[in-house]
N, C-alpha and C. Protein backbone atom coordinates (compact mmCIF):
# COMPACT_ATOMS: atom_id res chain seq x y z
N UNK A 1 0.85 -1.18 0.00
CA UNK A 1 0.00 0.00 0.00
C UNK A 1 0.90 1.24 0.00
N UNK A 2 0.64 2.14 -0.91
CA UNK A 2 1.44 3.36 -1.03
C UNK A 2 0.75 4.51 -0.30
N UNK A 3 1.55 5.36 0.26
CA UNK A 3 1.04 6.55 0.94
C UNK A 3 1.51 7.75 0.14
N UNK A 4 0.61 8.65 -0.14
CA UNK A 4 0.94 9.83 -0.92
C UNK A 4 0.61 11.07 -0.09
N UNK A 5 1.58 11.95 0.03
CA UNK A 5 1.39 13.20 0.77
C UNK A 5 0.93 14.26 -0.22
N UNK A 6 -0.18 14.92 0.10
CA UNK A 6 -0.67 16.02 -0.72
C UNK A 6 -0.91 17.22 0.18
N UNK A 7 -0.87 18.40 -0.44
CA UNK A 7 -1.07 19.64 0.29
C UNK A 7 -2.27 20.35 -0.28
N UNK A 8 -2.98 21.04 0.58
CA UNK A 8 -4.18 21.77 0.19
C UNK A 8 -3.99 23.23 0.56
N UNK A 9 -4.38 24.10 -0.35
CA UNK A 9 -4.32 25.53 -0.10
C UNK A 9 -5.42 25.88 0.91
N UNK A 10 -5.12 26.75 1.85
CA UNK A 10 -6.13 27.13 2.84
C UNK A 10 -7.20 28.04 2.24
N UNK A 11 -6.93 28.66 1.09
CA UNK A 11 -7.89 29.54 0.44
C UNK A 11 -8.64 28.87 -0.70
N UNK A 12 -8.19 27.70 -1.12
CA UNK A 12 -8.81 26.97 -2.23
C UNK A 12 -8.83 25.49 -1.86
N UNK A 13 -9.85 25.09 -1.15
CA UNK A 13 -9.90 23.75 -0.59
C UNK A 13 -10.11 22.66 -1.64
N UNK A 14 -10.47 23.04 -2.85
CA UNK A 14 -10.70 22.06 -3.91
C UNK A 14 -9.41 21.58 -4.56
N UNK A 15 -8.38 22.40 -4.52
CA UNK A 15 -7.12 22.07 -5.21
C UNK A 15 -6.17 21.34 -4.27
N UNK A 16 -5.52 20.33 -4.81
CA UNK A 16 -4.50 19.60 -4.07
C UNK A 16 -3.17 19.77 -4.80
N UNK A 17 -2.09 19.81 -4.04
CA UNK A 17 -0.76 20.01 -4.59
C UNK A 17 0.16 18.92 -4.09
N UNK A 18 1.14 18.60 -4.91
CA UNK A 18 2.08 17.54 -4.54
C UNK A 18 3.25 18.07 -3.72
N UNK A 19 3.45 19.39 -3.71
CA UNK A 19 4.51 19.91 -2.86
C UNK A 19 4.05 21.18 -2.14
N UNK A 20 4.59 21.36 -0.96
CA UNK A 20 4.16 22.45 -0.08
C UNK A 20 4.44 23.82 -0.68
N UNK A 21 5.58 23.98 -1.33
CA UNK A 21 5.94 25.27 -1.91
C UNK A 21 4.93 25.68 -2.97
N UNK A 22 4.48 24.74 -3.78
CA UNK A 22 3.49 25.04 -4.81
C UNK A 22 2.16 25.47 -4.18
N UNK A 23 1.75 24.78 -3.12
CA UNK A 23 0.52 25.15 -2.42
C UNK A 23 0.65 26.54 -1.80
N UNK A 24 1.81 26.83 -1.23
CA UNK A 24 2.05 28.15 -0.64
C UNK A 24 2.01 29.26 -1.69
N UNK A 25 2.61 29.02 -2.86
CA UNK A 25 2.57 30.01 -3.95
C UNK A 25 1.14 30.27 -4.38
N UNK A 26 0.36 29.22 -4.52
CA UNK A 26 -1.04 29.37 -4.93
C UNK A 26 -1.82 30.16 -3.88
N UNK A 27 -1.58 29.86 -2.63
CA UNK A 27 -2.25 30.55 -1.53
C UNK A 27 -1.91 32.04 -1.53
N UNK A 28 -0.64 32.37 -1.73
CA UNK A 28 -0.21 33.77 -1.76
C UNK A 28 -0.79 34.50 -2.96
N UNK A 29 -0.88 33.80 -4.10
CA UNK A 29 -1.47 34.40 -5.29
C UNK A 29 -2.94 34.73 -5.03
N UNK A 30 -3.66 33.81 -4.39
CA UNK A 30 -5.08 34.06 -4.09
C UNK A 30 -5.25 35.18 -3.07
N UNK A 31 -4.33 35.27 -2.12
CA UNK A 31 -4.39 36.36 -1.14
C UNK A 31 -4.18 37.71 -1.83
N UNK A 32 -3.21 37.78 -2.73
CA UNK A 32 -2.97 39.01 -3.49
C UNK A 32 -4.18 39.34 -4.35
N UNK A 33 -4.75 38.34 -5.01
CA UNK A 33 -5.93 38.56 -5.86
C UNK A 33 -7.09 39.12 -5.05
N UNK A 34 -7.27 38.62 -3.84
CA UNK A 34 -8.35 39.11 -2.97
C UNK A 34 -8.13 40.58 -2.60
N UNK A 35 -6.91 40.93 -2.26
CA UNK A 35 -6.61 42.32 -1.90
C UNK A 35 -6.75 43.25 -3.11
N UNK A 36 -6.27 42.79 -4.26
CA UNK A 36 -6.43 43.58 -5.48
C UNK A 36 -7.91 43.79 -5.79
N UNK A 37 -8.71 42.76 -5.61
CA UNK A 37 -10.15 42.86 -5.87
C UNK A 37 -10.79 43.90 -4.96
N UNK A 38 -10.38 43.94 -3.69
CA UNK A 38 -10.92 44.93 -2.76
C UNK A 38 -10.58 46.35 -3.22
N UNK A 39 -9.33 46.55 -3.64
CA UNK A 39 -8.89 47.87 -4.10
C UNK A 39 -9.66 48.27 -5.36
N UNK A 40 -9.77 47.33 -6.30
CA UNK A 40 -10.48 47.61 -7.55
C UNK A 40 -11.96 47.92 -7.30
N UNK A 41 -12.56 47.19 -6.40
CA UNK A 41 -13.98 47.41 -6.08
C UNK A 41 -14.19 48.81 -5.51
N UNK A 42 -13.25 49.25 -4.70
CA UNK A 42 -13.34 50.59 -4.12
C UNK A 42 -13.06 51.66 -5.18
N UNK A 43 -12.10 51.40 -6.06
CA UNK A 43 -11.71 52.38 -7.07
C UNK A 43 -12.73 52.50 -8.20
N UNK A 44 -13.36 51.37 -8.55
CA UNK A 44 -14.32 51.35 -9.67
C UNK A 44 -15.59 50.63 -9.20
N UNK A 45 -16.45 51.34 -8.47
CA UNK A 45 -17.64 50.70 -7.90
C UNK A 45 -18.61 50.14 -8.94
N UNK A 46 -18.51 50.57 -10.18
CA UNK A 46 -19.43 50.08 -11.21
C UNK A 46 -19.10 48.66 -11.68
N UNK A 47 -17.93 48.13 -11.34
CA UNK A 47 -17.58 46.77 -11.73
C UNK A 47 -18.40 45.77 -10.91
N UNK A 48 -18.79 44.69 -11.56
CA UNK A 48 -19.53 43.64 -10.84
C UNK A 48 -18.55 42.87 -9.95
N UNK A 49 -19.09 42.12 -9.03
CA UNK A 49 -18.26 41.33 -8.13
C UNK A 49 -17.42 40.31 -8.92
N UNK A 50 -18.03 39.71 -9.94
CA UNK A 50 -17.32 38.73 -10.77
C UNK A 50 -16.19 39.40 -11.54
N UNK A 51 -16.44 40.58 -12.09
CA UNK A 51 -15.40 41.29 -12.84
C UNK A 51 -14.23 41.65 -11.93
N UNK A 52 -14.54 42.13 -10.75
CA UNK A 52 -13.50 42.51 -9.79
C UNK A 52 -12.66 41.29 -9.44
N UNK A 53 -13.31 40.16 -9.22
CA UNK A 53 -12.61 38.93 -8.87
C UNK A 53 -11.71 38.47 -10.02
N UNK A 54 -12.23 38.48 -11.24
CA UNK A 54 -11.47 38.04 -12.40
C UNK A 54 -10.25 38.94 -12.65
N UNK A 55 -10.44 40.25 -12.53
CA UNK A 55 -9.32 41.17 -12.74
C UNK A 55 -8.28 41.00 -11.64
N UNK A 56 -8.73 40.82 -10.41
CA UNK A 56 -7.80 40.60 -9.30
C UNK A 56 -6.95 39.36 -9.51
N UNK A 57 -7.59 38.27 -9.94
CA UNK A 57 -6.86 37.03 -10.19
C UNK A 57 -5.89 37.21 -11.35
N UNK A 58 -6.35 37.85 -12.41
CA UNK A 58 -5.49 38.08 -13.58
C UNK A 58 -4.25 38.88 -13.19
N UNK A 59 -4.45 39.94 -12.44
CA UNK A 59 -3.31 40.77 -12.03
C UNK A 59 -2.38 40.01 -11.09
N UNK A 60 -2.94 39.22 -10.18
CA UNK A 60 -2.11 38.47 -9.25
C UNK A 60 -1.28 37.41 -9.98
N UNK A 61 -1.88 36.75 -10.96
CA UNK A 61 -1.15 35.73 -11.72
C UNK A 61 -0.07 36.33 -12.59
N UNK A 62 -0.24 37.57 -12.97
CA UNK A 62 0.74 38.26 -13.83
C UNK A 62 1.47 39.35 -13.06
N UNK A 63 1.62 39.18 -11.79
CA UNK A 63 2.17 40.24 -10.94
C UNK A 63 3.59 40.63 -11.34
N UNK A 64 4.38 39.68 -11.83
CA UNK A 64 5.75 40.00 -12.24
C UNK A 64 5.76 40.99 -13.41
N UNK A 65 4.86 40.78 -14.36
CA UNK A 65 4.77 41.68 -15.52
C UNK A 65 4.30 43.05 -15.06
N UNK A 66 3.27 43.09 -14.22
CA UNK A 66 2.77 44.38 -13.72
C UNK A 66 3.84 45.09 -12.87
N UNK A 67 4.60 44.34 -12.08
CA UNK A 67 5.65 44.93 -11.26
C UNK A 67 6.70 45.61 -12.13
N UNK A 68 7.11 44.94 -13.21
CA UNK A 68 8.09 45.55 -14.13
C UNK A 68 7.51 46.80 -14.77
N UNK A 69 6.23 46.73 -15.15
CA UNK A 69 5.59 47.89 -15.79
C UNK A 69 5.54 49.07 -14.83
N UNK A 70 5.27 48.81 -13.57
CA UNK A 70 5.19 49.88 -12.58
C UNK A 70 6.57 50.41 -12.20
N UNK A 71 7.62 49.65 -12.52
CA UNK A 71 8.99 50.08 -12.24
C UNK A 71 9.63 50.64 -13.49
N UNK A 72 8.95 51.53 -14.16
CA UNK A 72 9.47 52.26 -15.33
C UNK A 72 9.75 51.38 -16.54
N UNK A 73 9.05 50.26 -16.68
CA UNK A 73 9.17 49.42 -17.88
C UNK A 73 7.78 49.15 -18.44
N UNK A 74 7.07 50.17 -18.87
CA UNK A 74 5.70 49.96 -19.34
C UNK A 74 5.61 49.01 -20.52
N UNK A 75 6.69 48.85 -21.27
CA UNK A 75 6.69 47.92 -22.40
C UNK A 75 6.50 46.47 -21.96
N UNK A 76 6.71 46.19 -20.69
CA UNK A 76 6.52 44.83 -20.17
C UNK A 76 5.08 44.37 -20.38
N UNK A 77 4.15 45.30 -20.39
CA UNK A 77 2.74 44.94 -20.57
C UNK A 77 2.46 44.38 -21.96
N UNK A 78 3.36 44.61 -22.91
CA UNK A 78 3.16 44.06 -24.25
C UNK A 78 3.15 42.54 -24.22
N UNK A 79 3.80 41.94 -23.22
CA UNK A 79 3.76 40.48 -23.06
C UNK A 79 2.31 40.02 -22.88
N UNK A 80 1.55 40.76 -22.11
CA UNK A 80 0.16 40.40 -21.85
C UNK A 80 -0.74 40.75 -23.02
N UNK A 81 -0.43 41.86 -23.68
CA UNK A 81 -1.24 42.29 -24.82
C UNK A 81 -1.09 41.30 -25.97
N UNK A 82 0.11 40.81 -26.19
CA UNK A 82 0.39 39.91 -27.31
C UNK A 82 0.12 38.45 -26.99
N UNK A 83 -0.13 38.12 -25.73
CA UNK A 83 -0.41 36.73 -25.36
C UNK A 83 -1.81 36.35 -25.82
N UNK A 84 -2.00 35.09 -26.23
CA UNK A 84 -3.34 34.68 -26.63
C UNK A 84 -4.29 34.75 -25.44
N UNK A 85 -5.51 35.19 -25.70
CA UNK A 85 -6.49 35.33 -24.63
C UNK A 85 -6.98 33.96 -24.20
N UNK A 86 -6.96 33.72 -22.90
CA UNK A 86 -7.48 32.48 -22.35
C UNK A 86 -8.91 32.71 -21.91
N UNK A 87 -9.81 31.78 -22.18
CA UNK A 87 -11.19 31.98 -21.74
C UNK A 87 -11.26 31.98 -20.22
N UNK A 88 -12.08 32.85 -19.68
CA UNK A 88 -12.21 32.97 -18.23
C UNK A 88 -13.61 32.49 -17.85
N UNK A 89 -13.66 31.51 -16.97
CA UNK A 89 -14.93 30.99 -16.48
C UNK A 89 -14.91 31.15 -14.98
N UNK A 90 -15.87 31.86 -14.43
CA UNK A 90 -15.90 32.13 -13.00
C UNK A 90 -16.20 30.86 -12.22
N UNK A 91 -15.52 30.73 -11.07
CA UNK A 91 -15.79 29.63 -10.15
C UNK A 91 -15.87 30.20 -8.76
N UNK A 92 -16.36 29.40 -7.86
CA UNK A 92 -16.46 29.85 -6.47
C UNK A 92 -15.12 29.85 -5.77
N UNK A 93 -14.13 29.18 -6.32
CA UNK A 93 -12.84 29.06 -5.63
C UNK A 93 -11.87 30.17 -5.98
N UNK A 94 -12.28 31.15 -6.74
CA UNK A 94 -11.43 32.27 -7.12
C UNK A 94 -10.21 31.78 -7.90
N UNK A 95 -10.38 30.73 -8.68
CA UNK A 95 -9.28 30.16 -9.43
C UNK A 95 -9.62 30.12 -10.91
N UNK A 96 -10.47 31.01 -11.36
CA UNK A 96 -11.05 30.91 -12.68
C UNK A 96 -10.08 31.19 -13.81
N UNK A 97 -9.25 32.19 -13.69
CA UNK A 97 -8.46 32.63 -14.82
C UNK A 97 -7.19 31.81 -15.02
N UNK A 98 -6.96 30.83 -14.19
CA UNK A 98 -5.73 30.07 -14.30
C UNK A 98 -5.79 29.10 -15.46
N UNK A 99 -4.78 29.12 -16.33
CA UNK A 99 -4.77 28.19 -17.44
C UNK A 99 -4.61 26.75 -16.94
N UNK A 100 -4.87 25.81 -17.79
CA UNK A 100 -4.73 24.41 -17.42
C UNK A 100 -3.35 24.19 -16.84
N UNK A 101 -3.33 23.58 -15.72
CA UNK A 101 -2.10 23.43 -14.97
C UNK A 101 -1.32 22.22 -15.45
N UNK A 102 -0.01 22.33 -15.39
CA UNK A 102 0.84 21.21 -15.76
C UNK A 102 0.60 20.09 -14.76
N UNK A 103 0.79 18.86 -15.16
CA UNK A 103 0.56 17.77 -14.23
C UNK A 103 1.44 17.93 -13.00
N UNK A 104 0.87 17.59 -11.88
CA UNK A 104 1.60 17.71 -10.62
C UNK A 104 2.75 16.71 -10.60
N UNK A 105 3.75 17.02 -9.82
CA UNK A 105 4.90 16.13 -9.71
C UNK A 105 4.43 14.81 -9.09
N UNK A 106 4.91 13.71 -9.61
CA UNK A 106 4.51 12.44 -9.01
C UNK A 106 5.22 12.29 -7.67
N UNK A 107 4.59 11.52 -6.80
CA UNK A 107 5.18 11.27 -5.49
C UNK A 107 6.46 10.48 -5.67
N UNK A 108 7.39 10.68 -4.77
CA UNK A 108 8.66 9.95 -4.85
C UNK A 108 8.40 8.46 -4.66
N UNK A 109 9.01 7.67 -5.49
CA UNK A 109 8.86 6.22 -5.37
C UNK A 109 9.72 5.72 -4.22
N UNK A 110 9.23 4.70 -3.56
CA UNK A 110 9.99 4.11 -2.47
C UNK A 110 11.20 3.39 -3.05
N UNK A 111 12.31 3.43 -2.33
CA UNK A 111 13.52 2.76 -2.79
C UNK A 111 13.32 1.25 -2.70
N UNK A 112 13.78 0.59 -3.71
CA UNK A 112 13.65 -0.88 -3.74
C UNK A 112 14.62 -1.50 -2.72
N UNK A 113 14.17 -2.54 -2.08
CA UNK A 113 15.02 -3.23 -1.11
C UNK A 113 16.10 -4.01 -1.86
N UNK A 114 17.29 -4.02 -1.30
CA UNK A 114 18.41 -4.73 -1.96
C UNK A 114 18.48 -6.15 -1.47
């Protein structure tokens, strides 16, 4: 009988991860998305709750590009403009805009007895 260790994000209970660092990154991304959504909702009250959530997730997932753009490299945004548009389907887990994820790392195999 094999035992497999999996990790669950505290903000997205539906997703399981094969390594803790990956779960932590996902959790931090969702935390940033939530904070961005709050700011956007306050700044643009006419946006719907779903729009605010989707934009927050999009910005959080692309935070490196936005960070470069805000640090005097506005051309960095061309990466996002020229990227193919991924369809966005809202979910309750705030994980809608994420593209299909690469397969998770397989669990380490037990060493064979000599």
